[in-house]
Amino acid sequence: MARVRRKSHRSEREREAEGSLRLCAATRSGLPPEKLIRFVAAPSGEIVPDLARRLPGRGVWIACDKAIVAKAVKANIFAKSLKRQVTVAADLAERVEGLLVQRALEALAMANKAGLVTAGFAQAEALIESGSAAALLHGAGAAQGGREKLDRKFVAAAREEGPRPRIVTGLSIEQLSLAMGRSNVVHAALKPGGATERFLSETERMERYRSGSNASGIACPP
């Protein structure tokens, strides 16, 4: 009897996994929710992104890809999917990118408040050498030499410790400085923790959106 129950339980979980896929309204391809962006119509009829997937109403799912969102705007996909007249901003794809960047920066600020972020070249280097760095962060425009030196040490340390090296480069020095409340943040390292994982997840989605739904948002050096 117990064996029958286990077999039934596995089948149920398999069905749930299959049901977790959503259909991209623009490409008609099935993707997991984390590789899509949900949009809903506000009471005013304006299409708004539901990045947290919490807003009420029927959702329109579009691949997490800036080019595909722009295509959906031009092809009137939202009105076709909802079968009603809606208002869609011409710059919706750019607005989504801005919101994704904002979410990543808010997550970084939370990680910083939790004491999980160490800013500065020497400080990041020390955290890497101690084996306590979960991720490395470079502001866009950071000097190549400094980036490469920290990257080599981080990749070498990660190979010894085991976890996948995660290096984030998609935010500007100005954005990092503002999020962390200090000036000229060029390099930083993050310690393990829930707030760090949230930041990495938000950054990955931001970069996937910018580069295409199949692109990775966090660099994994060889």
C-alpha atoms as a PDB file:
ATOM      1  CA  MET A   1       0.000   0.000   0.000  1.00  0.00           C
ATOM      2  CA  ALA A   2       2.830   2.405   0.900  1.00  0.00           C
ATOM      3  CA  ARG A   3       4.475   1.838  -2.479  1.00  0.00           C
ATOM      4  CA  VAL A   4       1.274   2.747  -4.291  1.00  0.00           C
ATOM      5  CA  ARG A   5       1.038   6.027  -2.357  1.00  0.00           C
ATOM      6  CA  ARG A   6       4.622   7.003  -3.200  1.00  0.00           C
ATOM      7  CA  LYS A   7       4.095   6.292  -6.869  1.00  0.00           C
ATOM      8  CA  SER A   8       0.908   8.372  -6.893  1.00  0.00           C
ATOM      9  CA  HIS A   9       2.694  11.216  -5.087  1.00  0.00           C
ATOM     10  CA  ARG A  10       5.472  11.308  -7.703  1.00  0.00           C
ATOM     11  CA  SER A  11       2.944  11.417 -10.505  1.00  0.00           C
ATOM     12  CA  GLU A  12       1.147  14.309  -8.848  1.00  0.00           C
ATOM     13  CA  ARG A  13       4.375  16.299  -8.492  1.00  0.00           C
ATOM     14  CA  GLU A  14       5.194  15.626 -12.137  1.00  0.00           C
ATOM     15  CA  ARG A  15       1.801  16.984 -13.144  1.00  0.00           C
ATOM     16  CA  GLU A  16       2.385  20.085 -11.015  1.00  0.00           C
ATOM     17  CA  ALA A  17       5.777  20.640 -12.650  1.00  0.00           C
ATOM     18  CA  GLU A  18       4.238  20.405 -16.095  1.00  0.00           C
ATOM     19  CA  GLY A  19       1.495  22.818 -15.092  1.00  0.00           C
ATOM     20  CA  SER A  20       4.012  25.407 -13.902  1.00  0.00           C
ATOM     21  CA  LEU A  21       4.899  26.350 -17.478  1.00  0.00           C
ATOM     22  CA  ARG A  22       3.278  29.470 -18.909  1.00  0.00           C
ATOM     23  CA  LEU A  23       2.725  30.329 -22.543  1.00  0.00           C
ATOM     24  CA  CYS A  24       4.501  33.415 -23.844  1.00  0.00           C
ATOM     25  CA  ALA A  25       1.796  35.371 -25.668  1.00  0.00           C
ATOM     26  CA  ALA A  26       4.323  36.755 -28.153  1.00  0.00           C
ATOM     27  CA  THR A  27       6.339  33.657 -29.072  1.00  0.00           C
ATOM     28  CA  ARG A  28       3.772  30.965 -28.138  1.00  0.00           C
ATOM     29  CA  SER A  29       6.482  28.997 -26.334  1.00  0.00           C
ATOM     30  CA  GLY A  30       6.052  27.395 -22.927  1.00  0.00           C
ATOM     31  CA  LEU A  31       8.461  28.701 -20.282  1.00  0.00           C
ATOM     32  CA  PRO A  32       8.771  28.557 -16.478  1.00  0.00           C
ATOM     33  CA  PRO A  33       7.442  31.688 -14.709  1.00  0.00           C
ATOM     34  CA  GLU A  34      10.930  32.897 -13.760  1.00  0.00           C
ATOM     35  CA  LYS A  35      11.753  33.281 -17.458  1.00  0.00           C
ATOM     36  CA  LEU A  36       8.628  35.320 -18.134  1.00  0.00           C
ATOM     37  CA  ILE A  37       7.156  38.658 -17.113  1.00  0.00           C
ATOM     38  CA  ARG A  38       3.500  38.917 -16.159  1.00  0.00           C
ATOM     39  CA  PHE A  39       1.485  41.934 -17.289  1.00  0.00           C
ATOM     40  CA  VAL A  40      -2.020  42.919 -16.216  1.00  0.00           C
ATOM     41  CA  ALA A  41      -4.493  45.614 -17.155  1.00  0.00           C
ATOM     42  CA  ALA A  42      -4.966  48.246 -14.453  1.00  0.00           C
ATOM     43  CA  PRO A  43      -8.507  49.494 -13.728  1.00  0.00           C
ATOM     44  CA  SER A  44      -7.757  52.378 -16.089  1.00  0.00           C
ATOM     45  CA  GLY A  45      -7.051  49.895 -18.876  1.00  0.00           C
ATOM     46  CA  GLU A  46      -3.317  50.584 -18.923  1.00  0.00           C
ATOM     47  CA  ILE A  47      -1.016  47.570 -19.217  1.00  0.00           C
ATOM     48  CA  VAL A  48       1.394  47.400 -16.284  1.00  0.00           C
ATOM     49  CA  PRO A  49       4.159  44.889 -15.476  1.00  0.00           C
ATOM     50  CA  ASP A  50       3.491  42.679 -12.463  1.00  0.00           C
ATOM     51  CA  LEU A  51       7.080  41.814 -11.567  1.00  0.00           C
ATOM     52  CA  ALA A  52       6.107  40.329  -8.193  1.00  0.00           C
ATOM     53  CA  ARG A  53       3.243  38.324  -9.784  1.00  0.00           C
ATOM     54  CA  ARG A  54       0.755  39.493  -7.180  1.00  0.00           C
ATOM     55  CA  LEU A  55      -1.598  41.888  -8.962  1.00  0.00           C
ATOM     56  CA  PRO A  56      -5.200  40.739  -9.456  1.00  0.00           C
ATOM     57  CA  GLY A  57      -6.700  40.098 -12.841  1.00  0.00           C
ATOM     58  CA  ARG A  58      -5.935  37.999 -15.859  1.00  0.00           C
ATOM     59  CA  GLY A  59      -2.269  38.019 -16.713  1.00  0.00           C
ATOM     60  CA  VAL A  60      -0.487  38.190 -20.044  1.00  0.00           C
ATOM     61  CA  TRP A  61       2.854  36.379 -19.891  1.00  0.00           C
ATOM     62  CA  ILE A  62       5.708  37.575 -22.113  1.00  0.00           C
ATOM     63  CA  ALA A  63       9.246  36.160 -22.275  1.00  0.00           C
ATOM     64  CA  CYS A  64      11.743  38.011 -20.073  1.00  0.00           C
ATOM     65  CA  ASP A  65      13.379  39.586 -23.111  1.00  0.00           C
ATOM     66  CA  LYS A  66      13.339  43.295 -23.891  1.00  0.00           C
ATOM     67  CA  ALA A  67      13.141  42.723 -27.646  1.00  0.00           C
ATOM     68  CA  ILE A  68      10.171  40.390 -27.281  1.00  0.00           C
ATOM     69  CA  VAL A  69       8.307  42.810 -25.012  1.00  0.00           C
ATOM     70  CA  ALA A  70       8.875  45.534 -27.601  1.00  0.00           C
ATOM     71  CA  LYS A  71       7.559  43.158 -30.253  1.00  0.00           C
ATOM     72  CA  ALA A  72       4.465  42.473 -28.144  1.00  0.00           C
ATOM     73  CA  VAL A  73       3.775  46.214 -27.915  1.00  0.00           C
ATOM     74  CA  LYS A  74       4.042  46.719 -31.682  1.00  0.00           C
ATOM     75  CA  ALA A  75       1.968  43.622 -32.496  1.00  0.00           C
ATOM     76  CA  ASN A  76      -0.865  44.599 -30.134  1.00  0.00           C
ATOM     77  CA  ILE A  77      -0.403  41.302 -28.278  1.00  0.00           C
ATOM     78  CA  PHE A  78      -1.864  42.543 -24.988  1.00  0.00           C
ATOM     79  CA  ALA A  79      -5.233  43.523 -26.447  1.00  0.00           C
ATOM     80  CA  LYS A  80      -5.407  40.296 -28.437  1.00  0.00           C
ATOM     81  CA  SER A  81      -4.637  38.157 -25.388  1.00  0.00           C
ATOM     82  CA  LEU A  82      -7.080  39.943 -23.088  1.00  0.00           C
ATOM     83  CA  LYS A  83      -9.701  40.322 -25.835  1.00  0.00           C
ATOM     84  CA  ARG A  84     -10.374  43.937 -24.870  1.00  0.00           C
ATOM     85  CA  GLN A  85      -9.152  47.443 -25.556  1.00  0.00           C
ATOM     86  CA  VAL A  86      -6.143  48.375 -23.452  1.00  0.00           C
ATOM     87  CA  THR A  87      -3.630  51.198 -23.315  1.00  0.00           C
ATOM     88  CA  VAL A  88      -0.010  50.250 -23.861  1.00  0.00           C
ATOM     89  CA  ALA A  89       2.848  52.731 -23.447  1.00  0.00           C
ATOM     90  CA  ALA A  90       5.108  52.865 -26.479  1.00  0.00           C
ATOM     91  CA  ASP A  91       8.137  52.685 -24.185  1.00  0.00           C
ATOM     92  CA  LEU A  92       6.828  49.774 -22.099  1.00  0.00           C
ATOM     93  CA  ALA A  93       9.944  47.683 -22.794  1.00  0.00           C
ATOM     94  CA  GLU A  94      12.179  50.475 -21.453  1.00  0.00           C
ATOM     95  CA  ARG A  95       9.937  50.966 -18.417  1.00  0.00           C
ATOM     96  CA  VAL A  96      10.198  47.290 -17.541  1.00  0.00           C
ATOM     97  CA  GLU A  97      13.977  47.464 -17.708  1.00  0.00           C
ATOM     98  CA  GLY A  98      13.968  50.431 -15.362  1.00  0.00           C
ATOM     99  CA  LEU A  99      11.792  48.573 -12.868  1.00  0.00           C
ATOM    100  CA  LEU A 100      14.036  45.511 -12.996  1.00  0.00           C
ATOM    101  CA  VAL A 101      17.090  47.666 -12.317  1.00  0.00           C
ATOM    102  CA  GLN A 102      15.259  49.300  -9.423  1.00  0.00           C
ATOM    103  CA  ARG A 103      14.399  45.922  -7.900  1.00  0.00           C
ATOM    104  CA  ALA A 104      18.027  44.786  -8.173  1.00  0.00           C
ATOM    105  CA  LEU A 105      19.270  47.955  -6.483  1.00  0.00           C
ATOM    106  CA  GLU A 106      16.679  47.658  -3.713  1.00  0.00           C
ATOM    107  CA  ALA A 107      17.821  44.085  -3.115  1.00  0.00           C
ATOM    108  CA  LEU A 108      21.441  45.256  -2.966  1.00  0.00           C
ATOM    109  CA  ALA A 109      20.504  47.929  -0.445  1.00  0.00           C
ATOM    110  CA  MET A 110      18.808  45.291   1.719  1.00  0.00           C
ATOM    111  CA  ALA A 111      21.864  43.033   1.524  1.00  0.00           C
ATOM    112  CA  ASN A 112      24.041  45.971   2.506  1.00  0.00           C
ATOM    113  CA  LYS A 113      21.818  46.770   5.499  1.00  0.00           C
ATOM    114  CA  ALA A 114      22.053  43.124   6.524  1.00  0.00           C
ATOM    115  CA  GLY A 115      25.836  43.454   6.632  1.00  0.00           C
ATOM    116  CA  LEU A 116      26.393  41.098   3.695  1.00  0.00           C
ATOM    117  CA  VAL A 117      28.174  43.530   1.335  1.00  0.00           C
ATOM    118  CA  THR A 118      31.831  44.522   1.566  1.00  0.00           C
ATOM    119  CA  ALA A 119      32.753  47.464  -0.677  1.00  0.00           C
ATOM    120  CA  GLY A 120      36.207  48.442  -1.925  1.00  0.00           C
ATOM    121  CA  PHE A 121      38.909  46.634  -3.880  1.00  0.00           C
ATOM    122  CA  ALA A 122      41.048  45.652  -0.901  1.00  0.00           C
ATOM    123  CA  GLN A 123      38.033  44.688   1.192  1.00  0.00           C
ATOM    124  CA  ALA A 124      36.578  42.525  -1.581  1.00  0.00           C
ATOM    125  CA  GLU A 125      39.974  40.914  -2.113  1.00  0.00           C
ATOM    126  CA  ALA A 126      40.263  40.105   1.603  1.00  0.00           C
ATOM    127  CA  LEU A 127      36.798  38.542   1.677  1.00  0.00           C
ATOM    128  CA  ILE A 128      37.668  36.403  -1.345  1.00  0.00           C
ATOM    129  CA  GLU A 129      40.927  35.250   0.243  1.00  0.00           C
ATOM    130  CA  SER A 130      39.077  34.323   3.430  1.00  0.00           C
ATOM    131  CA  GLY A 131      36.814  32.011   1.428  1.00  0.00           C
ATOM    132  CA  SER A 132      33.696  33.881   2.565  1.00  0.00           C
ATOM    133  CA  ALA A 133      32.655  35.542  -0.709  1.00  0.00           C
ATOM    134  CA  ALA A 134      29.444  34.275  -2.304  1.00  0.00           C
ATOM    135  CA  ALA A 135      29.497  36.749  -5.196  1.00  0.00           C
ATOM    136  CA  LEU A 136      31.641  39.483  -6.702  1.00  0.00           C
ATOM    137  CA  LEU A 137      30.286  42.799  -7.904  1.00  0.00           C
ATOM    138  CA  HIS A 138      31.926  45.238 -10.363  1.00  0.00           C
ATOM    139  CA  GLY A 139      30.444  48.548 -11.399  1.00  0.00           C
ATOM    140  CA  ALA A 140      30.128  48.964 -15.145  1.00  0.00           C
ATOM    141  CA  GLY A 141      33.137  50.959 -16.272  1.00  0.00           C
ATOM    142  CA  ALA A 142      35.473  49.545 -13.633  1.00  0.00           C
ATOM    143  CA  ALA A 143      39.097  49.307 -14.782  1.00  0.00           C
ATOM    144  CA  GLN A 144      39.744  46.058 -16.614  1.00  0.00           C
ATOM    145  CA  GLY A 145      42.928  45.303 -14.693  1.00  0.00           C
ATOM    146  CA  GLY A 146      41.240  45.484 -11.307  1.00  0.00           C
ATOM    147  CA  ARG A 147      38.304  43.409 -12.463  1.00  0.00           C
ATOM    148  CA  GLU A 148      40.514  40.690 -13.888  1.00  0.00           C
ATOM    149  CA  LYS A 149      42.662  40.474 -10.753  1.00  0.00           C
ATOM    150  CA  LEU A 150      39.662  40.024  -8.471  1.00  0.00           C
ATOM    151  CA  ASP A 151      37.968  37.663 -10.920  1.00  0.00           C
ATOM    152  CA  ARG A 152      40.999  35.355 -11.065  1.00  0.00           C
ATOM    153  CA  LYS A 153      41.222  35.148  -7.287  1.00  0.00           C
ATOM    154  CA  PHE A 154      37.472  34.621  -6.916  1.00  0.00           C
ATOM    155  CA  VAL A 155      37.315  31.880  -9.547  1.00  0.00           C
ATOM    156  CA  ALA A 156      40.304  30.108  -7.992  1.00  0.00           C
ATOM    157  CA  ALA A 157      38.770  30.310  -4.513  1.00  0.00           C
ATOM    158  CA  ALA A 158      35.410  29.106  -5.794  1.00  0.00           C
ATOM    159  CA  ARG A 159      37.015  26.071  -7.410  1.00  0.00           C
ATOM    160  CA  GLU A 160      38.545  25.128  -4.078  1.00  0.00           C
ATOM    161  CA  GLU A 161      35.394  25.762  -2.062  1.00  0.00           C
ATOM    162  CA  GLY A 162      33.008  24.227  -4.571  1.00  0.00           C
ATOM    163  CA  PRO A 163      30.209  26.784  -5.254  1.00  0.00           C
ATOM    164  CA  ARG A 164      29.724  28.302  -8.700  1.00  0.00           C
ATOM    165  CA  PRO A 165      31.507  31.678  -8.987  1.00  0.00           C
ATOM    166  CA  ARG A 166      28.963  34.427  -9.508  1.00  0.00           C
ATOM    167  CA  ILE A 167      30.128  37.776 -10.831  1.00  0.00           C
ATOM    168  CA  VAL A 168      27.725  40.679 -11.425  1.00  0.00           C
ATOM    169  CA  THR A 169      28.670  43.506 -13.809  1.00  0.00           C
ATOM    170  CA  GLY A 170      25.380  44.966 -15.046  1.00  0.00           C
ATOM    171  CA  LEU A 171      25.016  47.949 -12.696  1.00  0.00           C
ATOM    172  CA  SER A 172      26.851  51.265 -12.957  1.00  0.00           C
ATOM    173  CA  ILE A 173      29.223  52.680 -10.356  1.00  0.00           C
ATOM    174  CA  GLU A 174      26.731  55.480  -9.719  1.00  0.00           C
ATOM    175  CA  GLN A 175      23.882  53.014  -9.162  1.00  0.00           C
ATOM    176  CA  LEU A 176      25.948  50.890  -6.776  1.00  0.00           C
ATOM    177  CA  SER A 177      27.035  53.959  -4.837  1.00  0.00           C
ATOM    178  CA  LEU A 178      23.463  55.199  -4.471  1.00  0.00           C
ATOM    179  CA  ALA A 179      22.146  51.802  -3.375  1.00  0.00           C
ATOM    180  CA  MET A 180      24.860  51.435  -0.747  1.00  0.00           C
ATOM    181  CA  GLY A 181      24.790  55.034   0.447  1.00  0.00           C
ATOM    182  CA  ARG A 182      28.453  55.737  -0.170  1.00  0.00           C
ATOM    183  CA  SER A 183      30.543  57.299  -2.921  1.00  0.00           C
ATOM    184  CA  ASN A 184      32.436  55.603  -5.742  1.00  0.00           C
ATOM    185  CA  VAL A 185      31.571  51.939  -5.189  1.00  0.00           C
ATOM    186  CA  VAL A 186      33.528  50.227  -7.968  1.00  0.00           C
ATOM    187  CA  HIS A 187      34.088  46.745  -6.528  1.00  0.00           C
ATOM    188  CA  ALA A 188      32.270  44.816  -3.820  1.00  0.00           C
ATOM    189  CA  ALA A 189      31.895  41.279  -2.561  1.00  0.00           C
ATOM    190  CA  LEU A 190      28.849  39.690  -0.984  1.00  0.00           C
ATOM    191  CA  LYS A 191      28.717  37.167   1.839  1.00  0.00           C
ATOM    192  CA  PRO A 192      26.288  34.227   1.764  1.00  0.00           C
ATOM    193  CA  GLY A 193      22.770  34.935   2.959  1.00  0.00           C
ATOM    194  CA  GLY A 194      19.161  35.229   1.927  1.00  0.00           C
ATOM    195  CA  ALA A 195      19.461  38.887   0.956  1.00  0.00           C
ATOM    196  CA  THR A 196      22.459  38.054  -1.234  1.00  0.00           C
ATOM    197  CA  GLU A 197      20.501  35.320  -3.013  1.00  0.00           C
ATOM    198  CA  ARG A 198      17.630  37.706  -3.616  1.00  0.00           C
ATOM    199  CA  PHE A 199      20.000  40.279  -5.110  1.00  0.00           C
ATOM    200  CA  LEU A 200      21.553  37.675  -7.392  1.00  0.00           C
ATOM    201  CA  SER A 201      18.122  36.476  -8.477  1.00  0.00           C
ATOM    202  CA  GLU A 202      16.976  40.017  -9.297  1.00  0.00           C
ATOM    203  CA  THR A 203      20.218  40.755 -11.140  1.00  0.00           C
ATOM    204  CA  GLU A 204      19.923  37.581 -13.162  1.00  0.00           C
ATOM    205  CA  ARG A 205      16.405  38.507 -14.256  1.00  0.00           C
ATOM    206  CA  MET A 206      17.536  42.041 -15.144  1.00  0.00           C
ATOM    207  CA  GLU A 207      20.371  40.762 -17.328  1.00  0.00           C
ATOM    208  CA  ARG A 208      18.231  38.053 -18.899  1.00  0.00           C
ATOM    209  CA  TYR A 209      15.778  40.772 -19.901  1.00  0.00           C
ATOM    210  CA  ARG A 210      18.492  42.931 -21.401  1.00  0.00           C
ATOM    211  CA  SER A 211      20.285  40.174 -23.273  1.00  0.00           C
ATOM    212  CA  GLY A 212      17.496  37.785 -24.181  1.00  0.00           C
ATOM    213  CA  SER A 213      15.486  35.126 -22.379  1.00  0.00           C
ATOM    214  CA  ASN A 214      18.160  32.445 -22.857  1.00  0.00           C
ATOM    215  CA  ALA A 215      21.034  34.563 -21.558  1.00  0.00           C
ATOM    216  CA  SER A 216      22.479  34.197 -18.081  1.00  0.00           C
ATOM    217  CA  GLY A 217      22.534  37.319 -15.958  1.00  0.00           C
ATOM    218  CA  ILE A 218      25.511  36.293 -13.877  1.00  0.00           C
ATOM    219  CA  ALA A 219      28.838  35.594 -15.477  1.00  0.00           C
ATOM    220  CA  CYS A 220      30.378  32.190 -14.830  1.00  0.00           C
ATOM    221  CA  PRO A 221      34.049  32.355 -15.818  1.00  0.00           C
ATOM    222  CA  PRO A 222      35.635  29.106 -17.078  1.00  0.00           C
END
